[in-house]
C-alpha atoms as a PDB file:
ATOM      1  CA  UNK A   1     -81.833 -66.250  -2.123  1.00  0.00           C
ATOM      2  CA  UNK A   2     -80.926 -63.019  -1.346  1.00  0.00           C
ATOM      3  CA  UNK A   3     -77.565 -62.866   0.513  1.00  0.00           C
ATOM      4  CA  UNK A   4     -77.729 -61.133   4.119  1.00  0.00           C
ATOM      5  CA  UNK A   5     -76.378 -57.593   4.200  1.00  0.00           C
ATOM      6  CA  UNK A   6     -75.005 -57.679   7.708  1.00  0.00           C
ATOM      7  CA  UNK A   7     -72.334 -55.063   7.184  1.00  0.00           C
ATOM      8  CA  UNK A   8     -75.047 -52.332   6.671  1.00  0.00           C
ATOM      9  CA  UNK A   9     -76.370 -52.894  10.022  1.00  0.00           C
ATOM     10  CA  UNK A  10     -75.072 -49.692  11.996  1.00  0.00           C
ATOM     11  CA  UNK A  11     -74.596 -51.581  15.180  1.00  0.00           C
ATOM     12  CA  UNK A  12     -72.701 -54.611  13.619  1.00  0.00           C
ATOM     13  CA  UNK A  13     -70.726 -52.221  11.267  1.00  0.00           C
ATOM     14  CA  UNK A  14     -69.244 -50.159  14.167  1.00  0.00           C
ATOM     15  CA  UNK A  15     -68.020 -53.066  16.226  1.00  0.00           C
ATOM     16  CA  UNK A  16     -66.678 -54.617  13.068  1.00  0.00           C
ATOM     17  CA  UNK A  17     -64.413 -51.382  12.586  1.00  0.00           C
ATOM     18  CA  UNK A  18     -63.716 -51.672  16.131  1.00  0.00           C
ATOM     19  CA  UNK A  19     -62.311 -55.049  15.802  1.00  0.00           C
ATOM     20  CA  UNK A  20     -60.393 -54.289  12.498  1.00  0.00           C
ATOM     21  CA  UNK A  21     -58.476 -51.609  14.319  1.00  0.00           C
ATOM     22  CA  UNK A  22     -57.072 -54.245  16.955  1.00  0.00           C
ATOM     23  CA  UNK A  23     -53.612 -55.061  15.813  1.00  0.00           C
ATOM     24  CA  UNK A  24     -53.661 -58.395  18.004  1.00  0.00           C
ATOM     25  CA  UNK A  25     -56.870 -59.750  16.435  1.00  0.00           C
ATOM     26  CA  UNK A  26     -56.874 -63.028  14.760  1.00  0.00           C
ATOM     27  CA  UNK A  27     -57.295 -61.343  11.226  1.00  0.00           C
ATOM     28  CA  UNK A  28     -54.178 -59.065  11.791  1.00  0.00           C
ATOM     29  CA  UNK A  29     -51.952 -61.471  13.370  1.00  0.00           C
ATOM     30  CA  UNK A  30     -52.670 -64.778  11.478  1.00  0.00           C
ATOM     31  CA  UNK A  31     -55.290 -64.403   8.318  1.00  0.00           C
ATOM     32  CA  UNK A  32     -53.994 -61.602   6.558  1.00  0.00           C
ATOM     33  CA  UNK A  33     -50.246 -62.245   6.608  1.00  0.00           C
ATOM     34  CA  UNK A  34     -51.047 -66.011   5.863  1.00  0.00           C
ATOM     35  CA  UNK A  35     -53.501 -65.199   2.843  1.00  0.00           C
ATOM     36  CA  UNK A  36     -50.969 -62.512   1.381  1.00  0.00           C
ATOM     37  CA  UNK A  37     -48.258 -65.415   1.816  1.00  0.00           C
ATOM     38  CA  UNK A  38     -50.302 -67.505  -0.499  1.00  0.00           C
ATOM     39  CA  UNK A  39     -50.989 -64.687  -3.021  1.00  0.00           C
ATOM     40  CA  UNK A  40     -47.323 -63.854  -3.448  1.00  0.00           C
ATOM     41  CA  UNK A  41     -46.034 -61.744  -6.234  1.00  0.00           C
ATOM     42  CA  UNK A  42     -48.801 -59.706  -7.898  1.00  0.00           C
ATOM     43  CA  UNK A  43     -46.660 -57.317 -10.391  1.00  0.00           C
ATOM     44  CA  UNK A  44     -48.951 -56.018 -13.102  1.00  0.00           C
ATOM     45  CA  UNK A  45     -51.851 -58.288 -12.418  1.00  0.00           C
ATOM     46  CA  UNK A  46     -55.478 -57.221 -12.767  1.00  0.00           C
ATOM     47  CA  UNK A  47     -57.196 -58.374  -9.703  1.00  0.00           C
ATOM     48  CA  UNK A  48     -60.741 -58.893  -8.876  1.00  0.00           C
ATOM     49  CA  UNK A  49     -61.385 -58.580  -4.780  1.00  0.00           C
ATOM     50  CA  UNK A  50     -64.641 -60.235  -3.853  1.00  0.00           C
ATOM     51  CA  UNK A  51     -66.022 -58.908  -0.423  1.00  0.00           C
ATOM     52  CA  UNK A  52     -63.312 -56.059  -0.618  1.00  0.00           C
ATOM     53  CA  UNK A  53     -64.554 -54.608   2.529  1.00  0.00           C
ATOM     54  CA  UNK A  54     -63.220 -51.086   3.391  1.00  0.00           C
ATOM     55  CA  UNK A  55     -60.445 -51.805   0.686  1.00  0.00           C
ATOM     56  CA  UNK A  56     -57.424 -52.303   2.926  1.00  0.00           C
ATOM     57  CA  UNK A  57     -56.201 -55.280   0.952  1.00  0.00           C
ATOM     58  CA  UNK A  58     -56.680 -53.662  -2.470  1.00  0.00           C
ATOM     59  CA  UNK A  59     -54.266 -50.718  -1.310  1.00  0.00           C
ATOM     60  CA  UNK A  60     -51.895 -53.345  -0.136  1.00  0.00           C
ATOM     61  CA  UNK A  61     -52.037 -55.132  -3.770  1.00  0.00           C
ATOM     62  CA  UNK A  62     -51.474 -51.867  -5.449  1.00  0.00           C
ATOM     63  CA  UNK A  63     -48.665 -51.099  -3.271  1.00  0.00           C
ATOM     64  CA  UNK A  64     -47.189 -54.568  -4.208  1.00  0.00           C
ATOM     65  CA  UNK A  65     -47.218 -53.755  -7.679  1.00  0.00           C
ATOM     66  CA  UNK A  66     -50.792 -54.635  -9.104  1.00  0.00           C
ATOM     67  CA  UNK A  67     -51.689 -53.268 -12.544  1.00  0.00           C
ATOM     68  CA  UNK A  68     -55.280 -52.806 -11.587  1.00  0.00           C
ATOM     69  CA  UNK A  69     -57.680 -53.761  -8.583  1.00  0.00           C
ATOM     70  CA  UNK A  70     -61.492 -53.905  -8.619  1.00  0.00           C
ATOM     71  CA  UNK A  71     -63.062 -54.408  -5.225  1.00  0.00           C
ATOM     72  CA  UNK A  72     -66.668 -55.263  -5.076  1.00  0.00           C
ATOM     73  CA  UNK A  73     -68.843 -55.589  -1.751  1.00  0.00           C
ATOM     74  CA  UNK A  74     -72.693 -55.908  -1.009  1.00  0.00           C
ATOM     75  CA  UNK A  75     -72.384 -53.257   1.780  1.00  0.00           C
ATOM     76  CA  UNK A  76     -72.812 -49.435   0.945  1.00  0.00           C
ATOM     77  CA  UNK A  77     -71.081 -48.891   4.313  1.00  0.00           C
ATOM     78  CA  UNK A  78     -67.770 -50.867   3.380  1.00  0.00           C
ATOM     79  CA  UNK A  79     -67.918 -49.348  -0.323  1.00  0.00           C
ATOM     80  CA  UNK A  80     -68.382 -45.904   1.144  1.00  0.00           C
ATOM     81  CA  UNK A  81     -65.043 -46.345   3.777  1.00  0.00           C
ATOM     82  CA  UNK A  82     -63.062 -47.807   0.719  1.00  0.00           C
ATOM     83  CA  UNK A  83     -63.751 -44.892  -1.383  1.00  0.00           C
ATOM     84  CA  UNK A  84     -63.016 -42.418   1.388  1.00  0.00           C
ATOM     85  CA  UNK A  85     -59.815 -44.106   2.144  1.00  0.00           C
ATOM     86  CA  UNK A  86     -58.317 -44.295  -1.403  1.00  0.00           C
ATOM     87  CA  UNK A  87     -56.770 -41.931  -3.670  1.00  0.00           C
ATOM     88  CA  UNK A  88     -55.354 -44.408  -6.356  1.00  0.00           C
ATOM     89  CA  UNK A  89     -56.683 -44.460  -9.722  1.00  0.00           C
ATOM     90  CA  UNK A  90     -55.606 -48.091 -10.176  1.00  0.00           C
ATOM     91  CA  UNK A  91     -58.575 -49.088  -7.809  1.00  0.00           C
ATOM     92  CA  UNK A  92     -62.079 -49.217  -8.759  1.00  0.00           C
ATOM     93  CA  UNK A  93     -64.817 -49.982  -6.335  1.00  0.00           C
ATOM     94  CA  UNK A  94     -68.400 -51.341  -6.937  1.00  0.00           C
ATOM     95  CA  UNK A  95     -71.408 -52.065  -4.592  1.00  0.00           C
ATOM     96  CA  UNK A  96     -72.121 -55.531  -6.208  1.00  0.00           C
ATOM     97  CA  UNK A  97     -73.091 -59.009  -4.519  1.00  0.00           C
ATOM     98  CA  UNK A  98     -70.235 -61.443  -5.706  1.00  0.00           C
ATOM     99  CA  UNK A  99     -72.868 -63.715  -6.896  1.00  0.00           C
ATOM    100  CA  UNK A 100     -73.177 -60.822 -10.003  1.00  0.00           C
ATOM    101  CA  UNK A 101     -69.734 -61.074 -10.876  1.00  0.00           C
ATOM    102  CA  UNK A 102     -70.762 -62.459 -14.378  1.00  0.00           C
ATOM    103  CA  UNK A 103     -72.027 -58.968 -15.259  1.00  0.00           C
ATOM    104  CA  UNK A 104     -68.437 -57.781 -15.348  1.00  0.00           C
ATOM    105  CA  UNK A 105     -67.285 -56.760 -18.631  1.00  0.00           C
ATOM    106  CA  UNK A 106     -63.769 -57.752 -17.988  1.00  0.00           C
ATOM    107  CA  UNK A 107     -61.652 -60.473 -16.995  1.00  0.00           C
ATOM    108  CA  UNK A 108     -58.572 -60.795 -14.539  1.00  0.00           C
ATOM    109  CA  UNK A 109     -55.331 -62.557 -13.868  1.00  0.00           C
ATOM    110  CA  UNK A 110     -56.191 -62.976 -10.333  1.00  0.00           C
ATOM    111  CA  UNK A 111     -59.523 -63.211  -8.054  1.00  0.00           C
ATOM    112  CA  UNK A 112     -58.810 -63.057  -4.252  1.00  0.00           C
ATOM    113  CA  UNK A 113     -61.157 -62.977  -1.385  1.00  0.00           C
ATOM    114  CA  UNK A 114     -60.862 -62.651   2.299  1.00  0.00           C
ATOM    115  CA  UNK A 115     -62.980 -64.271   4.530  1.00  0.00           C
ATOM    116  CA  UNK A 116     -66.217 -63.406   2.537  1.00  0.00           C
ATOM    117  CA  UNK A 117     -67.279 -66.603   0.666  1.00  0.00           C
ATOM    118  CA  UNK A 118     -68.909 -68.297   3.698  1.00  0.00           C
ATOM    119  CA  UNK A 119     -71.568 -65.638   3.451  1.00  0.00           C
ATOM    120  CA  UNK A 120     -72.591 -67.110   0.075  1.00  0.00           C
ATOM    121  CA  UNK A 121     -75.473 -69.674  -0.259  1.00  0.00           C
ATOM    122  CA  UNK A 122     -74.485 -71.202  -3.672  1.00  0.00           C
ATOM    123  CA  UNK A 123     -70.775 -71.768  -3.570  1.00  0.00           C
ATOM    124  CA  UNK A 124     -70.640 -74.060  -6.481  1.00  0.00           C
ATOM    125  CA  UNK A 125     -72.272 -71.149  -8.761  1.00  0.00           C
ATOM    126  CA  UNK A 126     -69.486 -68.911  -7.511  1.00  0.00           C
ATOM    127  CA  UNK A 127     -66.682 -71.019  -8.324  1.00  0.00           C
ATOM    128  CA  UNK A 128     -67.800 -71.382 -11.921  1.00  0.00           C
ATOM    129  CA  UNK A 129     -68.246 -67.607 -12.378  1.00  0.00           C
ATOM    130  CA  UNK A 130     -65.021 -67.137 -10.811  1.00  0.00           C
ATOM    131  CA  UNK A 131     -63.506 -69.727 -13.338  1.00  0.00           C
ATOM    132  CA  UNK A 132     -65.328 -67.626 -15.994  1.00  0.00           C
ATOM    133  CA  UNK A 133     -64.153 -64.149 -15.149  1.00  0.00           C
ATOM    134  CA  UNK A 134     -60.438 -65.337 -15.066  1.00  0.00           C
ATOM    135  CA  UNK A 135     -58.010 -65.228 -17.766  1.00  0.00           C
ATOM    136  CA  UNK A 136     -56.658 -68.296 -19.030  1.00  0.00           C
ATOM    137  CA  UNK A 137     -54.100 -69.277 -16.376  1.00  0.00           C
ATOM    138  CA  UNK A 138     -55.476 -67.008 -13.771  1.00  0.00           C
ATOM    139  CA  UNK A 139     -55.856 -68.013 -10.253  1.00  0.00           C
ATOM    140  CA  UNK A 140     -58.226 -67.723  -7.619  1.00  0.00           C
ATOM    141  CA  UNK A 141     -56.960 -67.533  -3.928  1.00  0.00           C
ATOM    142  CA  UNK A 142     -59.204 -67.134  -1.094  1.00  0.00           C
ATOM    143  CA  UNK A 143     -59.626 -67.744   2.771  1.00  0.00           C
ATOM    144  CA  UNK A 144     -62.737 -69.110   4.235  1.00  0.00           C
ATOM    145  CA  UNK A 145     -64.004 -69.924   7.876  1.00  0.00           C
ATOM    146  CA  UNK A 146     -62.556 -73.259   8.726  1.00  0.00           C
ATOM    147  CA  UNK A 147     -65.468 -75.902   8.497  1.00  0.00           C
ATOM    148  CA  UNK A 148     -64.476 -77.380  11.880  1.00  0.00           C
ATOM    149  CA  UNK A 149     -65.180 -73.998  13.298  1.00  0.00           C
ATOM    150  CA  UNK A 150     -68.480 -73.508  11.917  1.00  0.00           C
ATOM    151  CA  UNK A 151     -70.170 -76.859  11.737  1.00  0.00           C
ATOM    152  CA  UNK A 152     -71.668 -77.194  15.058  1.00  0.00           C
ATOM    153  CA  UNK A 153     -75.436 -75.888  15.132  1.00  0.00           C
ATOM    154  CA  UNK A 154     -76.073 -74.070  18.564  1.00  0.00           C
ATOM    155  CA  UNK A 155     -79.491 -72.194  18.875  1.00  0.00           C
ATOM    156  CA  UNK A 156     -78.337 -70.247  21.979  1.00  0.00           C
ATOM    157  CA  UNK A 157     -75.078 -68.940  20.232  1.00  0.00           C
ATOM    158  CA  UNK A 158     -73.259 -71.216  23.001  1.00  0.00           C
ATOM    159  CA  UNK A 159     -69.375 -71.320  22.587  1.00  0.00           C
ATOM    160  CA  UNK A 160     -68.974 -74.161  20.356  1.00  0.00           C
ATOM    161  CA  UNK A 161     -66.416 -75.830  22.816  1.00  0.00           C
ATOM    162  CA  UNK A 162     -66.660 -77.513  26.285  1.00  0.00           C
ATOM    163  CA  UNK A 163     -64.014 -77.317  29.004  1.00  0.00           C
ATOM    164  CA  UNK A 164     -62.052 -80.219  30.580  1.00  0.00           C
ATOM    165  CA  UNK A 165     -59.265 -79.759  33.037  1.00  0.00           C
ATOM    166  CA  UNK A 166     -59.263 -76.082  31.740  1.00  0.00           C
ATOM    167  CA  UNK A 167     -58.748 -77.126  28.253  1.00  0.00           C
ATOM    168  CA  UNK A 168     -60.951 -76.027  25.261  1.00  0.00           C
ATOM    169  CA  UNK A 169     -62.437 -79.328  23.506  1.00  0.00           C
ATOM    170  CA  UNK A 170     -64.224 -77.958  20.121  1.00  0.00           C
ATOM    171  CA  UNK A 171     -67.344 -79.487  19.271  1.00  0.00           C
ATOM    172  CA  UNK A 172     -67.626 -80.828  15.440  1.00  0.00           C
ATOM    173  CA  UNK A 173     -71.238 -82.146  15.464  1.00  0.00           C
ATOM    174  CA  UNK A 174     -73.127 -81.524  12.308  1.00  0.00           C
ATOM    175  CA  UNK A 175     -70.074 -81.609  10.233  1.00  0.00           C
ATOM    176  CA  UNK A 176     -71.587 -83.190   7.315  1.00  0.00           C
ATOM    177  CA  UNK A 177     -74.764 -81.469   7.808  1.00  0.00           C
ATOM    178  CA  UNK A 178     -74.281 -78.451   5.453  1.00  0.00           C
ATOM    179  CA  UNK A 179     -76.126 -75.658   5.053  1.00  0.00           C
ATOM    180  CA  UNK A 180     -77.153 -72.210   7.027  1.00  0.00           C
ATOM    181  CA  UNK A 181     -75.542 -71.330  10.476  1.00  0.00           C
ATOM    182  CA  UNK A 182     -77.149 -68.623  12.357  1.00  0.00           C
ATOM    183  CA  UNK A 183     -75.104 -66.949  15.188  1.00  0.00           C
ATOM    184  CA  UNK A 184     -74.118 -64.084  17.254  1.00  0.00           C
ATOM    185  CA  UNK A 185     -71.307 -61.830  16.057  1.00  0.00           C
ATOM    186  CA  UNK A 186     -71.553 -58.423  17.545  1.00  0.00           C
ATOM    187  CA  UNK A 187     -75.453 -58.900  17.029  1.00  0.00           C
ATOM    188  CA  UNK A 188     -77.798 -61.773  16.742  1.00  0.00           C
ATOM    189  CA  UNK A 189     -78.869 -63.551  13.537  1.00  0.00           C
ATOM    190  CA  UNK A 190     -75.451 -63.253  11.473  1.00  0.00           C
ATOM    191  CA  UNK A 191     -76.054 -65.763   8.565  1.00  0.00           C
ATOM    192  CA  UNK A 192     -73.378 -67.668   7.119  1.00  0.00           C
ATOM    193  CA  UNK A 193     -72.945 -71.131   5.447  1.00  0.00           C
ATOM    194  CA  UNK A 194     -71.258 -74.215   6.634  1.00  0.00           C
ATOM    195  CA  UNK A 195     -69.719 -76.724   3.984  1.00  0.00           C
ATOM    196  CA  UNK A 196     -67.188 -79.788   4.668  1.00  0.00           C
ATOM    197  CA  UNK A 197     -63.715 -79.874   3.508  1.00  0.00           C
ATOM    198  CA  UNK A 198     -64.544 -82.207   0.465  1.00  0.00           C
ATOM    199  CA  UNK A 199     -67.383 -79.820  -0.647  1.00  0.00           C
ATOM    200  CA  UNK A 200     -64.788 -76.762  -0.670  1.00  0.00           C
ATOM    201  CA  UNK A 201     -62.408 -78.548  -2.511  1.00  0.00           C
ATOM    202  CA  UNK A 202     -64.426 -80.477  -5.106  1.00  0.00           C
ATOM    203  CA  UNK A 203     -66.560 -77.369  -5.794  1.00  0.00           C
ATOM    204  CA  UNK A 204     -63.149 -75.796  -7.364  1.00  0.00           C
ATOM    205  CA  UNK A 205     -62.111 -79.093  -8.923  1.00  0.00           C
ATOM    206  CA  UNK A 206     -65.623 -79.783 -10.544  1.00  0.00           C
ATOM    207  CA  UNK A 207     -65.453 -76.496 -12.336  1.00  0.00           C
ATOM    208  CA  UNK A 208     -62.182 -76.956 -14.058  1.00  0.00           C
ATOM    209  CA  UNK A 209     -59.803 -75.382 -11.434  1.00  0.00           C
ATOM    210  CA  UNK A 210     -56.169 -77.200 -10.551  1.00  0.00           C
ATOM    211  CA  UNK A 211     -55.888 -77.221  -6.792  1.00  0.00           C
ATOM    212  CA  UNK A 212     -52.279 -75.778  -6.666  1.00  0.00           C
ATOM    213  CA  UNK A 213     -52.115 -75.453  -2.697  1.00  0.00           C
ATOM    214  CA  UNK A 214     -54.363 -75.569   0.218  1.00  0.00           C
ATOM    215  CA  UNK A 215     -53.494 -74.860   4.002  1.00  0.00           C
ATOM    216  CA  UNK A 216     -54.952 -74.430   7.413  1.00  0.00           C
ATOM    217  CA  UNK A 217     -54.297 -71.644   9.811  1.00  0.00           C
ATOM    218  CA  UNK A 218     -51.772 -71.922  12.458  1.00  0.00           C
ATOM    219  CA  UNK A 219     -49.856 -69.607  15.260  1.00  0.00           C
ATOM    220  CA  UNK A 220     -46.471 -69.063  15.221  1.00  0.00           C
ATOM    221  CA  UNK A 221     -44.293 -69.138  18.923  1.00  0.00           C
ATOM    222  CA  UNK A 222     -44.166 -65.504  17.890  1.00  0.00           C
ATOM    223  CA  UNK A 223     -48.013 -64.934  17.674  1.00  0.00           C
ATOM    224  CA  UNK A 224     -48.690 -66.918  20.910  1.00  0.00           C
ATOM    225  CA  UNK A 225     -46.279 -64.567  22.812  1.00  0.00           C
ATOM    226  CA  UNK A 226     -48.357 -61.697  21.469  1.00  0.00           C
ATOM    227  CA  UNK A 227     -51.759 -63.191  22.123  1.00  0.00           C
ATOM    228  CA  UNK A 228     -51.736 -66.371  24.347  1.00  0.00           C
ATOM    229  CA  UNK A 229     -55.173 -67.526  23.318  1.00  0.00           C
ATOM    230  CA  UNK A 230     -54.180 -68.341  19.903  1.00  0.00           C
ATOM    231  CA  UNK A 231     -52.231 -71.306  21.285  1.00  0.00           C
ATOM    232  CA  UNK A 232     -55.795 -72.995  20.594  1.00  0.00           C
ATOM    233  CA  UNK A 233     -54.744 -72.891  16.787  1.00  0.00           C
ATOM    234  CA  UNK A 234     -53.037 -75.921  17.637  1.00  0.00           C
ATOM    235  CA  UNK A 235     -56.049 -77.899  18.318  1.00  0.00           C
ATOM    236  CA  UNK A 236     -58.174 -76.313  15.789  1.00  0.00           C
ATOM    237  CA  UNK A 237     -57.711 -73.682  12.718  1.00  0.00           C
ATOM    238  CA  UNK A 238     -59.950 -70.660  12.427  1.00  0.00           C
ATOM    239  CA  UNK A 239     -59.142 -70.503   8.826  1.00  0.00           C
ATOM    240  CA  UNK A 240     -58.489 -72.590   5.705  1.00  0.00           C
ATOM    241  CA  UNK A 241     -56.735 -71.014   2.520  1.00  0.00           C
ATOM    242  CA  UNK A 242     -57.144 -72.130  -1.345  1.00  0.00           C
ATOM    243  CA  UNK A 243     -55.040 -71.503  -4.116  1.00  0.00           C
ATOM    244  CA  UNK A 244     -56.219 -72.643  -7.694  1.00  0.00           C
ATOM    245  CA  UNK A 245     -55.500 -72.194 -11.065  1.00  0.00           C
ATOM    246  CA  UNK A 246     -57.511 -72.031 -14.470  1.00  0.00           C
END
């Protein structure tokens, strides 16, 4: 099935760009620092970035000492922005669905992905393709929208929580009912795919990966002071991170 290319929707892309400029967003304060903590040392590594967006992570990886980064994204808007903002000959960008990485003619030390894999319908096939594009001993490290956050099916785009005594209680109905979720994020009709945690873990193990580390997002006291809303991370995580080895 063809993947939705929502980032080439003009209204969506403009709203997304505004979000990325917000230094107090959950991405900036929580997801990006925690993902890079898991990535660690990248000195002299060749890296493939799945769903690279505007290339912010790729530039950071080169600054951290990576030998080469190939960033792929389905969106022309994203790749055009990435190319405009990059002046390094160590970074290469391609407009390519991540499902097509088996068409690449090289292998990598590390494959990374930041909040992009939940847009993919066939997760198990992607895990196999990532495994095959890695060199022996290579690693796959990625962040994913937390299944607890994505499970509930709400046709009217309502919030996925109820308020009781001014506290949010998050809904986890349909947790084991995997599949497409359609929601409103900037625009109506944004498509992602919900999977339960065991599917996310076993999809990696079943193709041969050794799971080295998994962690769920959290907010430190310092982050909560900057953005009190993120105290709700103590009740449910927005993201989950995986690190595995071939």
